[in-house]
C-alpha atoms as a PDB file:
ATOM      1  CA  MET A   1     -78.144  96.425  70.669  1.00  0.00           C
ATOM      2  CA  LEU A   2     -77.037  96.719  66.738  1.00  0.00           C
ATOM      3  CA  GLU A   3     -75.820  93.219  65.652  1.00  0.00           C
ATOM      4  CA  ILE A   4     -74.006  92.891  62.331  1.00  0.00           C
ATOM      5  CA  ARG A   5     -73.789  89.256  61.082  1.00  0.00           C
ATOM      6  CA  ASP A   6     -71.569  87.970  58.320  1.00  0.00           C
ATOM      7  CA  LEU A   7     -72.000  91.166  56.344  1.00  0.00           C
ATOM      8  CA  VAL A   8     -70.892  91.116  52.673  1.00  0.00           C
ATOM      9  CA  LYS A   9     -70.832  94.016  50.028  1.00  0.00           C
ATOM     10  CA  VAL A  10     -69.515  93.346  46.567  1.00  0.00           C
ATOM     11  CA  TYR A  11     -69.537  96.100  44.017  1.00  0.00           C
ATOM     12  CA  PRO A  12     -69.445  95.541  40.309  1.00  0.00           C
ATOM     13  CA  GLY A  13     -65.839  94.773  39.233  1.00  0.00           C
ATOM     14  CA  PRO A  14     -65.973  92.685  41.334  1.00  0.00           C
ATOM     15  CA  VAL A  15     -64.685  94.916  44.281  1.00  0.00           C
ATOM     16  CA  THR A  16     -65.247  93.479  47.862  1.00  0.00           C
ATOM     17  CA  ALA A  17     -65.918  96.302  50.100  1.00  0.00           C
ATOM     18  CA  LEU A  18     -66.787  94.240  53.253  1.00  0.00           C
ATOM     19  CA  GLN A  19     -65.682  90.688  53.831  1.00  0.00           C
ATOM     20  CA  GLY A  20     -67.931  89.174  56.209  1.00  0.00           C
ATOM     21  CA  VAL A  21     -68.096  91.674  59.042  1.00  0.00           C
ATOM     22  CA  ASN A  22     -69.302  90.518  62.340  1.00  0.00           C
ATOM     23  CA  LEU A  23     -69.951  93.098  65.114  1.00  0.00           C
ATOM     24  CA  GLU A  24     -71.936  93.790  68.086  1.00  0.00           C
ATOM     25  CA  VAL A  25     -72.359  97.474  69.081  1.00  0.00           C
ATOM     26  CA  PRO A  26     -73.957  97.994  72.466  1.00  0.00           C
ATOM     27  CA  GLU A  27     -75.851 101.159  73.643  1.00  0.00           C
ATOM     28  CA  GLY A  28     -73.770 104.261  73.834  1.00  0.00           C
ATOM     29  CA  MET A  29     -70.933 105.720  71.854  1.00  0.00           C
ATOM     30  CA  PHE A  30     -69.239 103.219  69.626  1.00  0.00           C
ATOM     31  CA  GLY A  31     -66.352 103.901  67.105  1.00  0.00           C
ATOM     32  CA  LEU A  32     -65.560 102.410  63.688  1.00  0.00           C
ATOM     33  CA  LEU A  33     -61.909 103.327  62.927  1.00  0.00           C
ATOM     34  CA  GLY A  34     -59.950 102.677  59.929  1.00  0.00           C
ATOM     35  CA  PRO A  35     -58.127 104.435  57.168  1.00  0.00           C
ATOM     36  CA  ASN A  36     -59.973 106.058  54.046  1.00  0.00           C
ATOM     37  CA  GLY A  37     -61.135 103.231  51.703  1.00  0.00           C
ATOM     38  CA  ALA A  38     -61.278 100.637  54.408  1.00  0.00           C
ATOM     39  CA  GLY A  39     -65.024 100.092  53.947  1.00  0.00           C
ATOM     40  CA  LYS A  40     -66.390 102.302  56.800  1.00  0.00           C
ATOM     41  CA  SER A  41     -68.821 104.514  54.602  1.00  0.00           C
ATOM     42  CA  THR A  42     -69.963 101.376  52.868  1.00  0.00           C
ATOM     43  CA  PHE A  43     -70.645  99.612  56.254  1.00  0.00           C
ATOM     44  CA  MET A  44     -72.362 102.868  57.665  1.00  0.00           C
ATOM     45  CA  ARG A  45     -74.728 103.338  54.647  1.00  0.00           C
ATOM     46  CA  ILE A  46     -75.999  99.721  54.700  1.00  0.00           C
ATOM     47  CA  VAL A  47     -76.802  99.860  58.477  1.00  0.00           C
ATOM     48  CA  ALA A  48     -78.671 102.939  57.515  1.00  0.00           C
ATOM     49  CA  GLY A  49     -80.517 101.198  54.965  1.00  0.00           C
ATOM     50  CA  LEU A  50     -79.319 103.294  52.181  1.00  0.00           C
ATOM     51  CA  LEU A  51     -77.435 100.575  50.268  1.00  0.00           C
ATOM     52  CA  GLU A  52     -78.241  97.009  49.718  1.00  0.00           C
ATOM     53  CA  ALA A  53     -75.888  94.407  51.195  1.00  0.00           C
ATOM     54  CA  THR A  54     -74.698  91.557  49.150  1.00  0.00           C
ATOM     55  CA  SER A  55     -75.477  89.160  52.071  1.00  0.00           C
ATOM     56  CA  GLY A  56     -75.761  89.025  55.815  1.00  0.00           C
ATOM     57  CA  GLN A  57     -77.743  90.612  58.436  1.00  0.00           C
ATOM     58  CA  VAL A  58     -78.197  93.584  60.641  1.00  0.00           C
ATOM     59  CA  LEU A  59     -80.472  93.528  63.496  1.00  0.00           C
ATOM     60  CA  LEU A  60     -81.683  96.706  65.497  1.00  0.00           C
ATOM     61  CA  ASP A  61     -82.953  95.434  68.814  1.00  0.00           C
ATOM     62  CA  GLY A  62     -83.670  92.098  67.063  1.00  0.00           C
ATOM     63  CA  GLU A  63     -85.352  93.329  63.900  1.00  0.00           C
ATOM     64  CA  ASP A  64     -83.589  92.668  60.895  1.00  0.00           C
ATOM     65  CA  ILE A  65     -83.501  96.024  59.103  1.00  0.00           C
ATOM     66  CA  LEU A  66     -81.752  94.685  55.904  1.00  0.00           C
ATOM     67  CA  ALA A  67     -85.009  92.697  55.037  1.00  0.00           C
ATOM     68  CA  ASP A  68     -87.312  95.874  55.559  1.00  0.00           C
ATOM     69  CA  PRO A  69     -85.113  99.183  55.414  1.00  0.00           C
ATOM     70  CA  ARG A  70     -88.429 101.141  56.444  1.00  0.00           C
ATOM     71  CA  LYS A  71     -87.911  99.646  59.970  1.00  0.00           C
ATOM     72  CA  VAL A  72     -84.749 101.483  60.566  1.00  0.00           C
ATOM     73  CA  TRP A  73     -85.516 104.752  58.864  1.00  0.00           C
ATOM     74  CA  LYS A  74     -88.081 105.887  61.712  1.00  0.00           C
ATOM     75  CA  ARG A  75     -85.477 104.974  64.169  1.00  0.00           C
ATOM     76  CA  LEU A  76     -82.383 106.518  62.598  1.00  0.00           C
ATOM     77  CA  GLY A  77     -80.562 109.729  62.722  1.00  0.00           C
ATOM     78  CA  TYR A  78     -78.007 109.813  59.869  1.00  0.00           C
ATOM     79  CA  LEU A  79     -75.193 112.468  59.442  1.00  0.00           C
ATOM     80  CA  PRO A  80     -73.254 111.334  56.233  1.00  0.00           C
ATOM     81  CA  GLN A  81     -69.633 112.499  55.440  1.00  0.00           C
ATOM     82  CA  GLU A  82     -70.816 114.713  52.503  1.00  0.00           C
ATOM     83  CA  PHE A  83     -73.922 116.797  53.744  1.00  0.00           C
ATOM     84  CA  GLY A  84     -75.544 119.079  51.249  1.00  0.00           C
ATOM     85  CA  PHE A  85     -76.971 122.496  52.346  1.00  0.00           C
ATOM     86  CA  TYR A  86     -78.779 125.138  50.634  1.00  0.00           C
ATOM     87  CA  PRO A  87     -76.443 128.180  51.208  1.00  0.00           C
ATOM     88  CA  HIS A  88     -78.990 130.737  50.687  1.00  0.00           C
ATOM     89  CA  MET A  89     -81.387 129.349  53.187  1.00  0.00           C
ATOM     90  CA  THR A  90     -81.367 130.371  56.617  1.00  0.00           C
ATOM     91  CA  GLY A  91     -80.620 127.748  59.249  1.00  0.00           C
ATOM     92  CA  GLU A  92     -83.950 127.471  60.713  1.00  0.00           C
ATOM     93  CA  LYS A  93     -85.351 127.205  56.974  1.00  0.00           C
ATOM     94  CA  MET A  94     -82.886 124.699  56.100  1.00  0.00           C
ATOM     95  CA  LEU A  95     -83.671 122.510  59.153  1.00  0.00           C
ATOM     96  CA  ALA A  96     -87.279 122.814  58.737  1.00  0.00           C
ATOM     97  CA  HIS A  97     -86.890 121.766  55.034  1.00  0.00           C
ATOM     98  CA  LEU A  98     -85.064 118.653  56.078  1.00  0.00           C
ATOM     99  CA  LEU A  99     -87.622 117.668  58.654  1.00  0.00           C
ATOM    100  CA  ARG A 100     -90.272 118.085  56.000  1.00  0.00           C
ATOM    101  CA  LEU A 101     -88.363 115.583  53.861  1.00  0.00           C
ATOM    102  CA  LYS A 102     -87.693 113.144  57.026  1.00  0.00           C
ATOM    103  CA  GLY A 103     -91.556 113.411  57.749  1.00  0.00           C
ATOM    104  CA  VAL A 104     -90.957 114.422  61.421  1.00  0.00           C
ATOM    105  CA  GLN A 105     -94.025 115.239  63.339  1.00  0.00           C
ATOM    106  CA  ALA A 106     -94.063 118.198  65.467  1.00  0.00           C
ATOM    107  CA  SER A 107     -96.359 116.451  68.099  1.00  0.00           C
ATOM    108  CA  GLY A 108     -98.512 119.331  69.301  1.00  0.00           C
ATOM    109  CA  ARG A 109     -95.991 122.105  68.441  1.00  0.00           C
ATOM    110  CA  THR A 110     -95.376 123.986  65.272  1.00  0.00           C
ATOM    111  CA  LEU A 111     -92.466 123.079  63.038  1.00  0.00           C
ATOM    112  CA  ARG A 112     -90.808 126.414  63.766  1.00  0.00           C
ATOM    113  CA  GLN A 113     -91.072 125.549  67.556  1.00  0.00           C
ATOM    114  CA  LEU A 114     -89.396 122.408  66.985  1.00  0.00           C
ATOM    115  CA  CYS A 115     -86.704 123.777  64.970  1.00  0.00           C
ATOM    116  CA  GLY A 116     -86.366 126.361  67.417  1.00  0.00           C
ATOM    117  CA  GLU A 117     -85.821 123.486  70.244  1.00  0.00           C
ATOM    118  CA  LEU A 118     -83.385 121.442  68.037  1.00  0.00           C
ATOM    119  CA  LEU A 119     -81.146 124.509  67.260  1.00  0.00           C
ATOM    120  CA  GLU A 120     -80.959 125.334  70.911  1.00  0.00           C
ATOM    121  CA  ARG A 121     -79.904 121.897  71.555  1.00  0.00           C
ATOM    122  CA  VAL A 122     -76.999 122.053  69.207  1.00  0.00           C
ATOM    123  CA  ASN A 123     -76.169 125.554  70.439  1.00  0.00           C
ATOM    124  CA  LEU A 124     -77.356 127.193  67.080  1.00  0.00           C
ATOM    125  CA  ALA A 125     -80.079 129.167  68.407  1.00  0.00           C
ATOM    126  CA  HIS A 126     -78.267 132.553  67.809  1.00  0.00           C
ATOM    127  CA  ALA A 127     -77.542 131.787  64.066  1.00  0.00           C
ATOM    128  CA  ALA A 128     -81.173 130.491  63.132  1.00  0.00           C
ATOM    129  CA  GLY A 129     -81.935 133.539  61.028  1.00  0.00           C
ATOM    130  CA  ARG A 130     -78.281 133.531  59.518  1.00  0.00           C
ATOM    131  CA  LYS A 131     -77.757 132.083  56.018  1.00  0.00           C
ATOM    132  CA  VAL A 132     -75.957 128.695  55.911  1.00  0.00           C
ATOM    133  CA  LYS A 133     -73.416 130.102  53.521  1.00  0.00           C
ATOM    134  CA  GLY A 134     -72.020 132.131  56.389  1.00  0.00           C
ATOM    135  CA  TYR A 135     -71.764 129.065  58.777  1.00  0.00           C
ATOM    136  CA  SER A 136     -68.392 127.772  59.847  1.00  0.00           C
ATOM    137  CA  GLY A 137     -67.687 123.943  59.288  1.00  0.00           C
ATOM    138  CA  GLY A 138     -68.499 122.986  62.819  1.00  0.00           C
ATOM    139  CA  MET A 139     -71.645 125.118  62.790  1.00  0.00           C
ATOM    140  CA  ARG A 140     -72.858 123.261  59.487  1.00  0.00           C
ATOM    141  CA  GLN A 141     -71.977 119.831  61.486  1.00  0.00           C
ATOM    142  CA  ARG A 142     -74.145 120.910  64.308  1.00  0.00           C
ATOM    143  CA  LEU A 143     -77.076 121.890  61.889  1.00  0.00           C
ATOM    144  CA  GLY A 144     -76.591 118.268  60.479  1.00  0.00           C
ATOM    145  CA  ILE A 145     -76.853 116.854  64.031  1.00  0.00           C
ATOM    146  CA  ALA A 146     -80.010 118.826  64.611  1.00  0.00           C
ATOM    147  CA  GLN A 147     -81.752 116.942  61.713  1.00  0.00           C
ATOM    148  CA  ALA A 148     -80.257 113.564  62.883  1.00  0.00           C
ATOM    149  CA  ILE A 149     -81.789 113.964  66.229  1.00  0.00           C
ATOM    150  CA  ALA A 150     -85.219 115.051  65.247  1.00  0.00           C
ATOM    151  CA  GLY A 151     -87.834 112.557  66.393  1.00  0.00           C
ATOM    152  CA  ASN A 152     -85.595 110.992  69.129  1.00  0.00           C
ATOM    153  CA  PRO A 153     -83.925 108.183  66.936  1.00  0.00           C
ATOM    154  CA  ARG A 154     -82.845 105.199  68.753  1.00  0.00           C
ATOM    155  CA  LEU A 155     -79.700 104.906  66.208  1.00  0.00           C
ATOM    156  CA  ILE A 156     -77.588 107.654  65.339  1.00  0.00           C
ATOM    157  CA  ILE A 157     -74.998 107.166  62.606  1.00  0.00           C
ATOM    158  CA  VAL A 158     -72.316 109.908  62.060  1.00  0.00           C
ATOM    159  CA  ASP A 159     -69.869 109.681  59.315  1.00  0.00           C
ATOM    160  CA  GLU A 160     -66.174 111.412  59.669  1.00  0.00           C
ATOM    161  CA  PRO A 161     -68.142 114.008  61.708  1.00  0.00           C
ATOM    162  CA  THR A 162     -65.038 116.115  62.754  1.00  0.00           C
ATOM    163  CA  ALA A 163     -62.966 115.951  59.673  1.00  0.00           C
ATOM    164  CA  GLY A 164     -61.906 119.704  58.738  1.00  0.00           C
ATOM    165  CA  LEU A 165     -63.189 121.137  61.945  1.00  0.00           C
ATOM    166  CA  ASP A 166     -60.598 123.315  63.851  1.00  0.00           C
ATOM    167  CA  PRO A 167     -59.849 122.378  67.587  1.00  0.00           C
ATOM    168  CA  GLU A 168     -62.475 124.699  69.178  1.00  0.00           C
ATOM    169  CA  GLU A 169     -65.299 123.388  67.011  1.00  0.00           C
ATOM    170  CA  ARG A 170     -63.887 119.735  67.426  1.00  0.00           C
ATOM    171  CA  GLN A 171     -64.380 119.928  71.273  1.00  0.00           C
ATOM    172  CA  ARG A 172     -67.851 121.539  70.972  1.00  0.00           C
ATOM    173  CA  PHE A 173     -68.739 118.742  68.523  1.00  0.00           C
ATOM    174  CA  TYR A 174     -67.176 116.147  71.289  1.00  0.00           C
ATOM    175  CA  HIS A 175     -69.391 117.391  74.062  1.00  0.00           C
ATOM    176  CA  LEU A 176     -72.586 117.251  71.687  1.00  0.00           C
ATOM    177  CA  LEU A 177     -71.906 113.773  70.709  1.00  0.00           C
ATOM    178  CA  ALA A 178     -71.186 112.487  74.191  1.00  0.00           C
ATOM    179  CA  GLU A 179     -74.641 114.016  75.184  1.00  0.00           C
ATOM    180  CA  LEU A 180     -76.559 112.373  72.275  1.00  0.00           C
ATOM    181  CA  ALA A 181     -75.041 108.802  73.146  1.00  0.00           C
ATOM    182  CA  GLN A 182     -77.085 108.650  76.545  1.00  0.00           C
ATOM    183  CA  ASN A 183     -79.807 106.185  76.143  1.00  0.00           C
ATOM    184  CA  ARG A 184     -79.259 105.357  72.568  1.00  0.00           C
ATOM    185  CA  ILE A 185     -76.698 103.695  70.053  1.00  0.00           C
ATOM    186  CA  VAL A 186     -74.311 106.287  68.306  1.00  0.00           C
ATOM    187  CA  VAL A 187     -72.038 104.858  65.726  1.00  0.00           C
ATOM    188  CA  LEU A 188     -69.154 107.072  65.026  1.00  0.00           C
ATOM    189  CA  SER A 189     -67.064 106.381  62.006  1.00  0.00           C
ATOM    190  CA  THR A 190     -63.623 108.078  61.487  1.00  0.00           C
ATOM    191  CA  HIS A 191     -60.094 107.830  60.611  1.00  0.00           C
ATOM    192  CA  ILE A 192     -59.149 110.387  63.508  1.00  0.00           C
ATOM    193  CA  VAL A 193     -57.866 108.249  66.314  1.00  0.00           C
ATOM    194  CA  GLU A 194     -58.495 111.144  68.599  1.00  0.00           C
ATOM    195  CA  ASP A 195     -62.032 111.120  68.106  1.00  0.00           C
ATOM    196  CA  VAL A 196     -62.380 107.564  69.134  1.00  0.00           C
ATOM    197  CA  GLY A 197     -59.998 108.140  72.192  1.00  0.00           C
ATOM    198  CA  VAL A 198     -62.085 110.852  73.519  1.00  0.00           C
ATOM    199  CA  LEU A 199     -65.684 109.583  72.769  1.00  0.00           C
ATOM    200  CA  CYS A 200     -65.738 105.957  72.440  1.00  0.00           C
ATOM    201  CA  PRO A 201     -65.688 103.141  75.283  1.00  0.00           C
ATOM    202  CA  ARG A 202     -65.499 100.673  72.802  1.00  0.00           C
ATOM    203  CA  PHE A 203     -64.134 100.808  69.361  1.00  0.00           C
ATOM    204  CA  ALA A 204     -63.482  98.379  66.155  1.00  0.00           C
ATOM    205  CA  VAL A 205     -60.745  98.531  63.504  1.00  0.00           C
ATOM    206  CA  ILE A 206     -61.704  97.825  59.944  1.00  0.00           C
ATOM    207  CA  ARG A 207     -58.902  97.172  57.265  1.00  0.00           C
ATOM    208  CA  GLN A 208     -59.722  96.426  53.681  1.00  0.00           C
ATOM    209  CA  GLY A 209     -63.143  95.297  54.321  1.00  0.00           C
ATOM    210  CA  LYS A 210     -62.320  93.007  57.105  1.00  0.00           C
ATOM    211  CA  LEU A 211     -62.992  93.744  60.976  1.00  0.00           C
ATOM    212  CA  VAL A 212     -59.489  93.238  62.411  1.00  0.00           C
ATOM    213  CA  ALA A 213     -60.071  94.133  66.204  1.00  0.00           C
ATOM    214  CA  SER A 214     -62.796  95.073  68.641  1.00  0.00           C
ATOM    215  CA  SER A 215     -61.417  96.665  71.827  1.00  0.00           C
ATOM    216  CA  ARG A 216     -61.688  99.220  74.642  1.00  0.00           C
ATOM    217  CA  PRO A 217     -59.312 102.064  74.310  1.00  0.00           C
ATOM    218  CA  SER A 218     -57.679 101.002  77.789  1.00  0.00           C
ATOM    219  CA  GLU A 219     -57.185  97.487  76.343  1.00  0.00           C
ATOM    220  CA  ALA A 220     -55.709  98.679  73.185  1.00  0.00           C
ATOM    221  CA  LEU A 221     -53.014 100.872  75.203  1.00  0.00           C
ATOM    222  CA  ALA A 222     -52.147  97.842  77.538  1.00  0.00           C
ATOM    223  CA  MET A 223     -51.482  95.698  74.544  1.00  0.00           C
ATOM    224  CA  VAL A 224     -48.178  98.089  73.737  1.00  0.00           C
ATOM    225  CA  GLU A 225     -47.379  99.122  77.104  1.00  0.00           C
ATOM    226  CA  GLY A 226     -43.792  98.691  77.459  1.00  0.00           C
ATOM    227  CA  ARG A 227     -43.218  98.375  73.681  1.00  0.00           C
ATOM    228  CA  VAL A 228     -43.225 101.703  72.289  1.00  0.00           C
ATOM    229  CA  PHE A 229     -40.003 103.879  71.971  1.00  0.00           C
ATOM    230  CA  GLU A 230     -39.033 107.061  71.010  1.00  0.00           C
ATOM    231  CA  GLY A 231     -35.898 108.656  69.620  1.00  0.00           C
ATOM    232  CA  SER A 232     -34.599 111.598  67.447  1.00  0.00           C
ATOM    233  CA  VAL A 233     -33.520 110.393  63.772  1.00  0.00           C
ATOM    234  CA  ASP A 234     -32.185 112.202  60.787  1.00  0.00           C
ATOM    235  CA  PRO A 235     -34.840 112.894  58.227  1.00  0.00           C
ATOM    236  CA  SER A 236     -32.828 110.946  55.725  1.00  0.00           C
ATOM    237  CA  GLU A 237     -32.773 107.901  57.895  1.00  0.00           C
ATOM    238  CA  VAL A 238     -36.735 107.447  58.138  1.00  0.00           C
ATOM    239  CA  ALA A 239     -37.101 105.744  55.214  1.00  0.00           C
ATOM    240  CA  GLU A 240     -34.666 102.997  56.143  1.00  0.00           C
ATOM    241  CA  LEU A 241     -35.938 102.829  59.629  1.00  0.00           C
ATOM    242  CA  LYS A 242     -39.298 101.926  58.401  1.00  0.00           C
ATOM    243  CA  ARG A 243     -37.968  99.094  56.363  1.00  0.00           C
ATOM    244  CA  ARG A 244     -36.454  97.645  59.494  1.00  0.00           C
ATOM    245  CA  ARG A 245     -38.728  98.796  62.313  1.00  0.00           C
ATOM    246  CA  GLN A 246     -42.491  98.976  62.983  1.00  0.00           C
ATOM    247  CA  VAL A 247     -42.688 102.830  62.911  1.00  0.00           C
ATOM    248  CA  THR A 248     -45.933 104.250  64.392  1.00  0.00           C
ATOM    249  CA  GLN A 249     -45.547 107.968  64.242  1.00  0.00           C
ATOM    250  CA  SER A 250     -42.949 110.221  62.651  1.00  0.00           C
ATOM    251  CA  ILE A 251     -43.292 113.891  64.133  1.00  0.00           C
ATOM    252  CA  LEU A 252     -41.499 117.105  64.572  1.00  0.00           C
ATOM    253  CA  SER A 253     -41.443 118.147  68.119  1.00  0.00           C
ATOM    254  CA  GLU A 254     -39.524 121.343  69.198  1.00  0.00           C
ATOM    255  CA  GLY A 255     -37.719 121.647  65.750  1.00  0.00           C
ATOM    256  CA  ARG A 256     -36.539 117.835  66.044  1.00  0.00           C
ATOM    257  CA  HIS A 257     -37.379 114.880  63.990  1.00  0.00           C
ATOM    258  CA  ARG A 258     -38.908 112.259  66.553  1.00  0.00           C
ATOM    259  CA  VAL A 259     -39.860 108.866  65.622  1.00  0.00           C
ATOM    260  CA  ARG A 260     -41.769 106.352  67.723  1.00  0.00           C
ATOM    261  CA  ILE A 261     -41.515 102.718  66.951  1.00  0.00           C
ATOM    262  CA  PHE A 262     -43.132  99.536  68.351  1.00  0.00           C
ATOM    263  CA  GLU A 263     -40.556  96.818  69.260  1.00  0.00           C
ATOM    264  CA  PRO A 264     -42.386  93.548  70.306  1.00  0.00           C
ATOM    265  CA  SER A 265     -39.513  92.361  72.371  1.00  0.00           C
ATOM    266  CA  GLY A 266     -39.704  95.219  74.823  1.00  0.00           C
ATOM    267  CA  GLU A 267     -36.240  95.841  74.180  1.00  0.00           C
ATOM    268  CA  ALA A 268     -35.312  99.630  73.521  1.00  0.00           C
ATOM    269  CA  PRO A 269     -33.202  99.859  70.146  1.00  0.00           C
ATOM    270  CA  LEU A 270     -30.009 101.898  70.394  1.00  0.00           C
ATOM    271  CA  GLY A 271     -30.731 105.677  70.777  1.00  0.00           C
ATOM    272  CA  PHE A 272     -34.086 105.072  71.521  1.00  0.00           C
ATOM    273  CA  GLU A 273     -36.108 105.469  75.035  1.00  0.00           C
ATOM    274  CA  GLU A 274     -39.323 103.765  76.312  1.00  0.00           C
ATOM    275  CA  ALA A 275     -42.273 106.406  75.589  1.00  0.00           C
ATOM    276  CA  THR A 276     -45.772 106.346  76.979  1.00  0.00           C
ATOM    277  CA  PRO A 277     -47.907 104.679  74.433  1.00  0.00           C
ATOM    278  CA  SER A 278     -50.993 106.410  72.656  1.00  0.00           C
ATOM    279  CA  LEU A 279     -53.832 105.368  70.890  1.00  0.00           C
ATOM    280  CA  GLU A 280     -52.308 106.258  67.655  1.00  0.00           C
ATOM    281  CA  ASP A 281     -49.484 103.669  68.617  1.00  0.00           C
ATOM    282  CA  ALA A 282     -51.891 101.017  69.388  1.00  0.00           C
ATOM    283  CA  TYR A 283     -54.255 101.761  66.163  1.00  0.00           C
ATOM    284  CA  PHE A 284     -50.900 101.060  64.026  1.00  0.00           C
ATOM    285  CA  VAL A 285     -50.175  97.814  65.725  1.00  0.00           C
ATOM    286  CA  LEU A 286     -53.884  96.726  65.372  1.00  0.00           C
ATOM    287  CA  MET A 287     -53.992  97.527  61.682  1.00  0.00           C
ATOM    288  CA  ARG A 288     -50.872  95.651  61.194  1.00  0.00           C
ATOM    289  CA  HIS A 289     -51.435  92.762  63.407  1.00  0.00           C
ATOM    290  CA  GLY A 290     -55.194  92.813  64.412  1.00  0.00           C
ATOM    291  CA  GLY A 291     -55.779  90.992  67.665  1.00  0.00           C
ATOM    292  CA  GLU A 292     -52.643  89.125  68.083  1.00  0.00           C
ATOM    293  CA  VAL A 293     -49.201  90.694  68.742  1.00  0.00           C
ATOM    294  CA  GLN A 294     -46.075  88.880  68.712  1.00  0.00           C
ATOM    295  CA  THR A 295     -43.557  89.195  71.493  1.00  0.00           C
ATOM    296  CA  SER A 296     -39.936  87.666  71.807  1.00  0.00           C
ATOM    297  CA  ARG A 297     -38.716  86.088  74.679  1.00  0.00           C
ATOM    298  CA  PRO A 298     -35.547  83.927  75.323  1.00  0.00           C
ATOM    299  CA  ASP A 299     -36.149  80.045  76.172  1.00  0.00           C
ATOM    300  CA  GLU A 300     -33.814  78.322  78.462  1.00  0.00           C
ATOM    301  CA  GLY A 301     -31.230  77.732  75.865  1.00  0.00           C
ATOM    302  CA  GLY A 302     -31.075  81.599  74.961  1.00  0.00           C
ATOM    303  CA  GLU A 303     -32.927  80.972  71.717  1.00  0.00           C
ATOM    304  CA  THR A 304     -35.649  83.498  70.834  1.00  0.00           C
ATOM    305  CA  LEU A 305     -39.382  82.296  70.915  1.00  0.00           C
ATOM    306  CA  ALA A 306     -42.359  84.138  69.397  1.00  0.00           C
ATOM    307  CA  GLU A 307     -45.309  84.288  71.862  1.00  0.00           C
ATOM    308  CA  PRO A 308     -48.669  85.539  71.008  1.00  0.00           C
ATOM    309  CA  ILE A 309     -50.273  88.211  73.170  1.00  0.00           C
ATOM    310  CA  HIS A 310     -54.042  87.818  73.163  1.00  0.00           C
ATOM    311  CA  THR A 311     -54.920  91.197  74.833  1.00  0.00           C
ATOM    312  CA  MET A 312     -57.592  92.038  72.333  1.00  0.00           C
ATOM    313  CA  ARG A 313     -61.188  90.614  72.430  1.00  0.00           C
ATOM    314  CA  LYS A 314     -61.995  90.007  68.808  1.00  0.00           C
ATOM    315  CA  GLU A 315     -65.443  89.517  67.852  1.00  0.00           C
ATOM    316  CA  GLY A 316     -66.564  87.759  64.467  1.00  0.00           C
END
């Protein structure tokens, strides 16, 4: 179990990047979802013991890793958003160099044998002798994962791992991450809602340094069920619609401009039809409302009342 208690980070300025985050992360894959600049990378770097918190606690299986970051480094695999490689090294030599820097022991094997096993596990054995500059984005991410899983870490942190990957590489990476989540804690930080929907039994939403909700994807979808509507809208009318309605998505479909909106009352606006909600719809609502969504219902006198819907289990 990874426990985060009252975590605060204030940068000089002052800029408050994290505002008292409380979160419990169980074993398995856990998603941290939020827009760029929400505080996700700051959160990840603190949990990884690479950045000092202003206050709070981070406990890994009961040990306070903020008090002594060295306690987590030996049990940590970390793939940051920006991972540097030496382009003229081969994949095998680059991995060996990273393992030496991490102090990973080969345990009765040669370092080359260990690198071979790791590259095999991430499906890069065929490219071991190829220079890293010739690797695709997905291959570089898999090389980064190879160094992260060396030493059988208890906690793996991956920060925006699928950004920039093509659909095929993303699917490969999904399968790899799902495999790694067996019997360990894997924290996935991303702004890509699809990543969470595919991989994570639980996720949290962070906005402006605050944790606004923690849920399961199924619970988030249930929250907006029957309240998402879709219709065709002229592009010139989208801006005005956004001022009057809660637009969750604006997309082109078969050459037509389609807009999805969240309507708390559950009543379809003129020209819109009820749509099957997506996790992106739910994410928009969580970003705006957190764990409480307002719906409208008529009372006995015909007036409209606001009733909170508590479908999200908030932590912290």
